[in-house]
Amino acid sequence: MKKTYKIEVDCANCANKMEEAAKNTAGVKAATVNFMTLKMIVEFEEGQDPKAVMQEVRKACKKVEPDCEVFL
């Protein structure tokens, strides 16, 4: 299952850091961050709860880029 989330990030480099953090989160099959549209597309692994996984994605993104935001 794929879902799109609105994000707030200041620069393309920060967006890349967020993308890598999201990709490395358990339960995420794939993730793409588009700096121009300020959107994150996340594909979840089979059987995962998107809400629970996105809480972890948000925490991971905050670690690499404290002033970013992922709107759930």
PDB file of N, CA and C in Angstrom:
ATOM      1  N   MET A   1       0.838  -1.174   0.000  1.00  0.00           N
ATOM      2  CA  MET A   1       0.000   0.000   0.000  1.00  0.00           C
ATOM      3  C   MET A   1       0.887   1.242   0.000  1.00  0.00           C
ATOM      4  N   LYS A   2       0.523   2.204  -0.847  1.00  0.00           N
ATOM      5  CA  LYS A   2       1.250   3.476  -0.921  1.00  0.00           C
ATOM      6  C   LYS A   2       0.382   4.594  -0.376  1.00  0.00           C
ATOM      7  N   LYS A   3       1.022   5.512   0.339  1.00  0.00           N
ATOM      8  CA  LYS A   3       0.317   6.694   0.832  1.00  0.00           C
ATOM      9  C   LYS A   3       1.204   7.908   0.618  1.00  0.00           C
ATOM     10  N   THR A   4       0.562   9.057   0.428  1.00  0.00           N
ATOM     11  CA  THR A   4       1.281  10.314   0.235  1.00  0.00           C
ATOM     12  C   THR A   4       1.044  11.210   1.437  1.00  0.00           C
ATOM     13  N   TYR A   5       2.116  11.823   1.928  1.00  0.00           N
ATOM     14  CA  TYR A   5       2.055  12.711   3.090  1.00  0.00           C
ATOM     15  C   TYR A   5       2.647  14.066   2.741  1.00  0.00           C
ATOM     16  N   LYS A   6       2.058  15.110   3.281  1.00  0.00           N
ATOM     17  CA  LYS A   6       2.581  16.463   3.111  1.00  0.00           C
ATOM     18  C   LYS A   6       3.733  16.632   4.100  1.00  0.00           C
ATOM     19  N   ILE A   7       4.808  17.259   3.636  1.00  0.00           N
ATOM     20  CA  ILE A   7       5.959  17.503   4.507  1.00  0.00           C
ATOM     21  C   ILE A   7       6.334  18.976   4.470  1.00  0.00           C
ATOM     22  N   GLU A   8       7.130  19.363   5.441  1.00  0.00           N
ATOM     23  CA  GLU A   8       7.682  20.716   5.480  1.00  0.00           C
ATOM     24  C   GLU A   8       9.188  20.556   5.706  1.00  0.00           C
ATOM     25  N   VAL A   9       9.954  21.017   4.733  1.00  0.00           N
ATOM     26  CA  VAL A   9      11.410  20.888   4.805  1.00  0.00           C
ATOM     27  C   VAL A   9      12.027  22.090   4.088  1.00  0.00           C
ATOM     28  N   ASP A  10      13.199  22.528   4.574  1.00  0.00           N
ATOM     29  CA  ASP A  10      13.793  23.777   4.101  1.00  0.00           C
ATOM     30  C   ASP A  10      14.667  23.672   2.861  1.00  0.00           C
ATOM     31  N   CYS A  11      15.291  22.517   2.639  1.00  0.00           N
ATOM     32  CA  CYS A  11      16.218  22.433   1.506  1.00  0.00           C
ATOM     33  C   CYS A  11      16.213  21.027   0.905  1.00  0.00           C
ATOM     34  N   ALA A  12      16.726  20.911  -0.307  1.00  0.00           N
ATOM     35  CA  ALA A  12      16.756  19.626  -1.006  1.00  0.00           C
ATOM     36  C   ALA A  12      17.634  18.611  -0.273  1.00  0.00           C
ATOM     37  N   ASN A  13      18.735  19.062   0.307  1.00  0.00           N
ATOM     38  CA  ASN A  13      19.616  18.162   1.040  1.00  0.00           C
ATOM     39  C   ASN A  13      18.886  17.574   2.254  1.00  0.00           C
ATOM     40  N   CYS A  14      18.109  18.394   2.937  1.00  0.00           N
ATOM     41  CA  CYS A  14      17.329  17.925   4.084  1.00  0.00           C
ATOM     42  C   CYS A  14      16.288  16.907   3.620  1.00  0.00           C
ATOM     43  N   ALA A  15      15.686  17.144   2.467  1.00  0.00           N
ATOM     44  CA  ALA A  15      14.708  16.215   1.913  1.00  0.00           C
ATOM     45  C   ALA A  15      15.359  14.867   1.637  1.00  0.00           C
ATOM     46  N   ASN A  16      16.583  14.878   1.130  1.00  0.00           N
ATOM     47  CA  ASN A  16      17.306  13.625   0.880  1.00  0.00           C
ATOM     48  C   ASN A  16      17.567  12.877   2.176  1.00  0.00           C
ATOM     49  N   LYS A  17      17.922  13.602   3.238  1.00  0.00           N
ATOM     50  CA  LYS A  17      18.155  12.979   4.544  1.00  0.00           C
ATOM     51  C   LYS A  17      16.865  12.345   5.062  1.00  0.00           C
ATOM     52  N   MET A  18      15.748  13.047   4.874  1.00  0.00           N
ATOM     53  CA  MET A  18      14.447  12.517   5.302  1.00  0.00           C
ATOM     54  C   MET A  18      14.092  11.256   4.524  1.00  0.00           C
ATOM     55  N   GLU A  19      14.366  11.257   3.228  1.00  0.00           N
ATOM     56  CA  GLU A  19      14.071  10.096   2.399  1.00  0.00           C
ATOM     57  C   GLU A  19      14.853   8.879   2.874  1.00  0.00           C
ATOM     58  N   GLU A  20      16.137   9.063   3.135  1.00  0.00           N
ATOM     59  CA  GLU A  20      16.971   7.951   3.610  1.00  0.00           C
ATOM     60  C   GLU A  20      16.485   7.442   4.961  1.00  0.00           C
ATOM     61  N   ALA A  21      16.130   8.359   5.859  1.00  0.00           N
ATOM     62  CA  ALA A  21      15.632   7.957   7.179  1.00  0.00           C
ATOM     63  C   ALA A  21      14.350   7.148   7.035  1.00  0.00           C
ATOM     64  N   ALA A  22      13.460   7.583   6.151  1.00  0.00           N
ATOM     65  CA  ALA A  22      12.194   6.876   5.938  1.00  0.00           C
ATOM     66  C   ALA A  22      12.440   5.485   5.356  1.00  0.00           C
ATOM     67  N   LYS A  23      13.344   5.391   4.381  1.00  0.00           N
ATOM     68  CA  LYS A  23      13.645   4.104   3.747  1.00  0.00           C
ATOM     69  C   LYS A  23      14.188   3.098   4.746  1.00  0.00           C
ATOM     70  N   ASN A  24      14.918   3.586   5.747  1.00  0.00           N
ATOM     71  CA  ASN A  24      15.555   2.704   6.723  1.00  0.00           C
ATOM     72  C   ASN A  24      14.665   2.385   7.919  1.00  0.00           C
ATOM     73  N   THR A  25      13.418   2.802   7.882  1.00  0.00           N
ATOM     74  CA  THR A  25      12.482   2.537   8.977  1.00  0.00           C
ATOM     75  C   THR A  25      11.803   1.187   8.766  1.00  0.00           C
ATOM     76  N   ALA A  26      11.699   0.419   9.848  1.00  0.00           N
ATOM     77  CA  ALA A  26      11.042  -0.890   9.775  1.00  0.00           C
ATOM     78  C   ALA A  26       9.602  -0.729   9.309  1.00  0.00           C
ATOM     79  N   GLY A  27       9.181  -1.580   8.390  1.00  0.00           N
ATOM     80  CA  GLY A  27       7.817  -1.547   7.876  1.00  0.00           C
ATOM     81  C   GLY A  27       7.672  -0.756   6.586  1.00  0.00           C
ATOM     82  N   VAL A  28       8.748  -0.058   6.185  1.00  0.00           N
ATOM     83  CA  VAL A  28       8.715   0.735   4.952  1.00  0.00           C
ATOM     84  C   VAL A  28       9.381  -0.067   3.834  1.00  0.00           C
ATOM     85  N   LYS A  29       8.650  -0.285   2.760  1.00  0.00           N
ATOM     86  CA  LYS A  29       9.199  -0.997   1.601  1.00  0.00           C
ATOM     87  C   LYS A  29       9.987  -0.028   0.720  1.00  0.00           C
ATOM     88  N   ALA A  30       9.419   1.183   0.518  1.00  0.00           N
ATOM     89  CA  ALA A  30      10.074   2.205  -0.299  1.00  0.00           C
ATOM     90  C   ALA A  30       9.559   3.571   0.132  1.00  0.00           C
ATOM     91  N   ALA A  31      10.399   4.591  -0.084  1.00  0.00           N
ATOM     92  CA  ALA A  31       9.988   5.962   0.248  1.00  0.00           C
ATOM     93  C   ALA A  31      10.644   6.922  -0.725  1.00  0.00           C
ATOM     94  N   THR A  32       9.882   7.942  -1.097  1.00  0.00           N
ATOM     95  CA  THR A  32      10.389   8.989  -1.974  1.00  0.00           C
ATOM     96  C   THR A  32       9.954  10.332  -1.410  1.00  0.00           C
ATOM     97  N   VAL A  33      10.907  11.272  -1.335  1.00  0.00           N
ATOM     98  CA  VAL A  33      10.591  12.626  -0.893  1.00  0.00           C
ATOM     99  C   VAL A  33      10.819  13.565  -2.066  1.00  0.00           C
ATOM    100  N   ASN A  34       9.805  14.366  -2.381  1.00  0.00           N
ATOM    101  CA  ASN A  34       9.911  15.345  -3.452  1.00  0.00           C
ATOM    102  C   ASN A  34       9.960  16.735  -2.825  1.00  0.00           C
ATOM    103  N   PHE A  35      11.121  17.366  -2.896  1.00  0.00           N
ATOM    104  CA  PHE A  35      11.309  18.687  -2.300  1.00  0.00           C
ATOM    105  C   PHE A  35      10.460  19.743  -2.995  1.00  0.00           C
ATOM    106  N   MET A  36      10.314  19.635  -4.299  1.00  0.00           N
ATOM    107  CA  MET A  36       9.572  20.653  -5.059  1.00  0.00           C
ATOM    108  C   MET A  36       8.081  20.670  -4.700  1.00  0.00           C
ATOM    109  N   THR A  37       7.496  19.498  -4.507  1.00  0.00           N
ATOM    110  CA  THR A  37       6.065  19.438  -4.187  1.00  0.00           C
ATOM    111  C   THR A  37       5.811  19.319  -2.686  1.00  0.00           C
ATOM    112  N   LEU A  38       6.888  19.166  -1.904  1.00  0.00           N
ATOM    113  CA  LEU A  38       6.798  18.985  -0.452  1.00  0.00           C
ATOM    114  C   LEU A  38       5.891  17.814  -0.089  1.00  0.00           C
ATOM    115  N   LYS A  39       6.193  16.664  -0.746  1.00  0.00           N
ATOM    116  CA  LYS A  39       5.421  15.449  -0.484  1.00  0.00           C
ATOM    117  C   LYS A  39       6.356  14.264  -0.271  1.00  0.00           C
ATOM    118  N   MET A  40       5.901  13.352   0.579  1.00  0.00           N
ATOM    119  CA  MET A  40       6.606  12.098   0.819  1.00  0.00           C
ATOM    120  C   MET A  40       5.655  10.971   0.437  1.00  0.00           C
ATOM    121  N   ILE A  41       6.109  10.077  -0.425  1.00  0.00           N
ATOM    122  CA  ILE A  41       5.325   8.907  -0.811  1.00  0.00           C
ATOM    123  C   ILE A  41       5.969   7.703  -0.137  1.00  0.00           C
ATOM    124  N   VAL A  42       5.176   6.997   0.642  1.00  0.00           N
ATOM    125  CA  VAL A  42       5.681   5.843   1.381  1.00  0.00           C
ATOM    126  C   VAL A  42       4.915   4.604   0.945  1.00  0.00           C
ATOM    127  N   GLU A  43       5.669   3.554   0.607  1.00  0.00           N
ATOM    128  CA  GLU A  43       5.070   2.254   0.314  1.00  0.00           C
ATOM    129  C   GLU A  43       5.371   1.352   1.501  1.00  0.00           C
ATOM    130  N   PHE A  44       4.316   0.798   2.084  1.00  0.00           N
ATOM    131  CA  PHE A  44       4.462  -0.009   3.286  1.00  0.00           C
ATOM    132  C   PHE A  44       4.608  -1.483   2.942  1.00  0.00           C
ATOM    133  N   GLU A  45       5.350  -2.203   3.802  1.00  0.00           N
ATOM    134  CA  GLU A  45       5.477  -3.644   3.634  1.00  0.00           C
ATOM    135  C   GLU A  45       4.130  -4.299   3.932  1.00  0.00           C
ATOM    136  N   GLU A  46       3.929  -5.472   3.358  1.00  0.00           N
ATOM    137  CA  GLU A  46       2.671  -6.223   3.516  1.00  0.00           C
ATOM    138  C   GLU A  46       2.342  -6.439   4.999  1.00  0.00           C
ATOM    139  N   GLY A  47       1.098  -6.139   5.372  1.00  0.00           N
ATOM    140  CA  GLY A  47       0.636  -6.402   6.728  1.00  0.00           C
ATOM    141  C   GLY A  47       1.014  -5.354   7.763  1.00  0.00           C
ATOM    142  N   GLN A  48       1.655  -4.282   7.363  1.00  0.00           N
ATOM    143  CA  GLN A  48       2.066  -3.240   8.312  1.00  0.00           C
ATOM    144  C   GLN A  48       0.944  -2.229   8.528  1.00  0.00           C
ATOM    145  N   ASP A  49       0.888  -1.660   9.730  1.00  0.00           N
ATOM    146  CA  ASP A  49      -0.080  -0.612  10.052  1.00  0.00           C
ATOM    147  C   ASP A  49       0.535   0.737   9.676  1.00  0.00           C
ATOM    148  N   PRO A  50      -0.003   1.394   8.638  1.00  0.00           N
ATOM    149  CA  PRO A  50       0.586   2.656   8.179  1.00  0.00           C
ATOM    150  C   PRO A  50       0.728   3.723   9.264  1.00  0.00           C
ATOM    151  N   LYS A  51      -0.266   3.831  10.152  1.00  0.00           N
ATOM    152  CA  LYS A  51      -0.197   4.854  11.209  1.00  0.00           C
ATOM    153  C   LYS A  51       0.965   4.608  12.152  1.00  0.00           C
ATOM    154  N   ALA A  52       1.142   3.359  12.567  1.00  0.00           N
ATOM    155  CA  ALA A  52       2.230   3.013  13.484  1.00  0.00           C
ATOM    156  C   ALA A  52       3.590   3.205  12.809  1.00  0.00           C
ATOM    157  N   VAL A  53       3.702   2.769  11.563  1.00  0.00           N
ATOM    158  CA  VAL A  53       4.966   2.903  10.834  1.00  0.00           C
ATOM    159  C   VAL A  53       5.300   4.381  10.634  1.00  0.00           C
ATOM    160  N   MET A  54       4.299   5.191  10.307  1.00  0.00           N
ATOM    161  CA  MET A  54       4.563   6.621  10.071  1.00  0.00           C
ATOM    162  C   MET A  54       4.990   7.346  11.339  1.00  0.00           C
ATOM    163  N   GLN A  55       4.563   6.896  12.495  1.00  0.00           N
ATOM    164  CA  GLN A  55       5.051   7.491  13.749  1.00  0.00           C
ATOM    165  C   GLN A  55       6.568   7.272  13.848  1.00  0.00           C
ATOM    166  N   GLU A  56       7.024   6.081  13.464  1.00  0.00           N
ATOM    167  CA  GLU A  56       8.460   5.781  13.496  1.00  0.00           C
ATOM    168  C   GLU A  56       9.210   6.559  12.411  1.00  0.00           C
ATOM    169  N   VAL A  57       8.588   6.694  11.232  1.00  0.00           N
ATOM    170  CA  VAL A  57       9.203   7.482  10.157  1.00  0.00           C
ATOM    171  C   VAL A  57       9.390   8.923  10.621  1.00  0.00           C
ATOM    172  N   ARG A  58       8.372   9.465  11.251  1.00  0.00           N
ATOM    173  CA  ARG A  58       8.435  10.843  11.743  1.00  0.00           C
ATOM    174  C   ARG A  58       9.579  11.017  12.749  1.00  0.00           C
ATOM    175  N   LYS A  59       9.711  10.055  13.688  1.00  0.00           N
ATOM    176  CA  LYS A  59      10.801  10.110  14.675  1.00  0.00           C
ATOM    177  C   LYS A  59      12.159  10.055  13.983  1.00  0.00           C
ATOM    178  N   ALA A  60      12.291   9.160  13.001  1.00  0.00           N
ATOM    179  CA  ALA A  60      13.554   9.010  12.279  1.00  0.00           C
ATOM    180  C   ALA A  60      13.902  10.287  11.523  1.00  0.00           C
ATOM    181  N   CYS A  61      12.912  10.916  10.910  1.00  0.00           N
ATOM    182  CA  CYS A  61      13.142  12.161  10.166  1.00  0.00           C
ATOM    183  C   CYS A  61      13.561  13.285  11.109  1.00  0.00           C
ATOM    184  N   LYS A  62      12.946  13.345  12.285  1.00  0.00           N
ATOM    185  CA  LYS A  62      13.286  14.386  13.270  1.00  0.00           C
ATOM    186  C   LYS A  62      14.718  14.234  13.766  1.00  0.00           C
ATOM    187  N   LYS A  63      15.227  12.987  13.810  1.00  0.00           N
ATOM    188  CA  LYS A  63      16.609  12.758  14.253  1.00  0.00           C
ATOM    189  C   LYS A  63      17.607  13.336  13.256  1.00  0.00           C
ATOM    190  N   VAL A  64      17.336  13.163  11.956  1.00  0.00           N
ATOM    191  CA  VAL A  64      18.281  13.641  10.935  1.00  0.00           C
ATOM    192  C   VAL A  64      18.054  15.102  10.588  1.00  0.00           C
ATOM    193  N   GLU A  65      16.826  15.592  10.760  1.00  0.00           N
ATOM    194  CA  GLU A  65      16.499  16.973  10.420  1.00  0.00           C
ATOM    195  C   GLU A  65      15.464  17.499  11.415  1.00  0.00           C
ATOM    196  N   PRO A  66      15.937  18.042  12.558  1.00  0.00           N
ATOM    197  CA  PRO A  66      15.025  18.422  13.647  1.00  0.00           C
ATOM    198  C   PRO A  66      13.926  19.427  13.272  1.00  0.00           C
ATOM    199  N   ASP A  67      14.169  20.299  12.306  1.00  0.00           N
ATOM    200  CA  ASP A  67      13.142  21.301  11.979  1.00  0.00           C
ATOM    201  C   ASP A  67      12.265  20.908  10.794  1.00  0.00           C
ATOM    202  N   CYS A  68      12.256  19.627  10.429  1.00  0.00           N
ATOM    203  CA  CYS A  68      11.346  19.152   9.377  1.00  0.00           C
ATOM    204  C   CYS A  68      10.013  18.752  10.003  1.00  0.00           C
ATOM    205  N   GLU A  69       9.020  18.567   9.175  1.00  0.00           N
ATOM    206  CA  GLU A  69       7.711  18.124   9.673  1.00  0.00           C
ATOM    207  C   GLU A  69       7.083  17.174   8.652  1.00  0.00           C
ATOM    208  N   VAL A  70       6.463  16.119   9.180  1.00  0.00           N
ATOM    209  CA  VAL A  70       5.698  15.182   8.369  1.00  0.00           C
ATOM    210  C   VAL A  70       4.279  15.253   8.900  1.00  0.00           C
ATOM    211  N   PHE A  71       3.348  15.640   8.056  1.00  0.00           N
ATOM    212  CA  PHE A  71       1.956  15.780   8.483  1.00  0.00           C
ATOM    213  C   PHE A  71       1.224  14.471   8.244  1.00  0.00           C
ATOM    214  N   LEU A  72       0.788  13.854   9.337  1.00  0.00           N
ATOM    215  CA  LEU A  72       0.123  12.549   9.263  1.00  0.00           C
ATOM    216  C   LEU A  72      -1.370  12.676   9.114  1.00  0.00           C
TER     217      LEU A  72
END
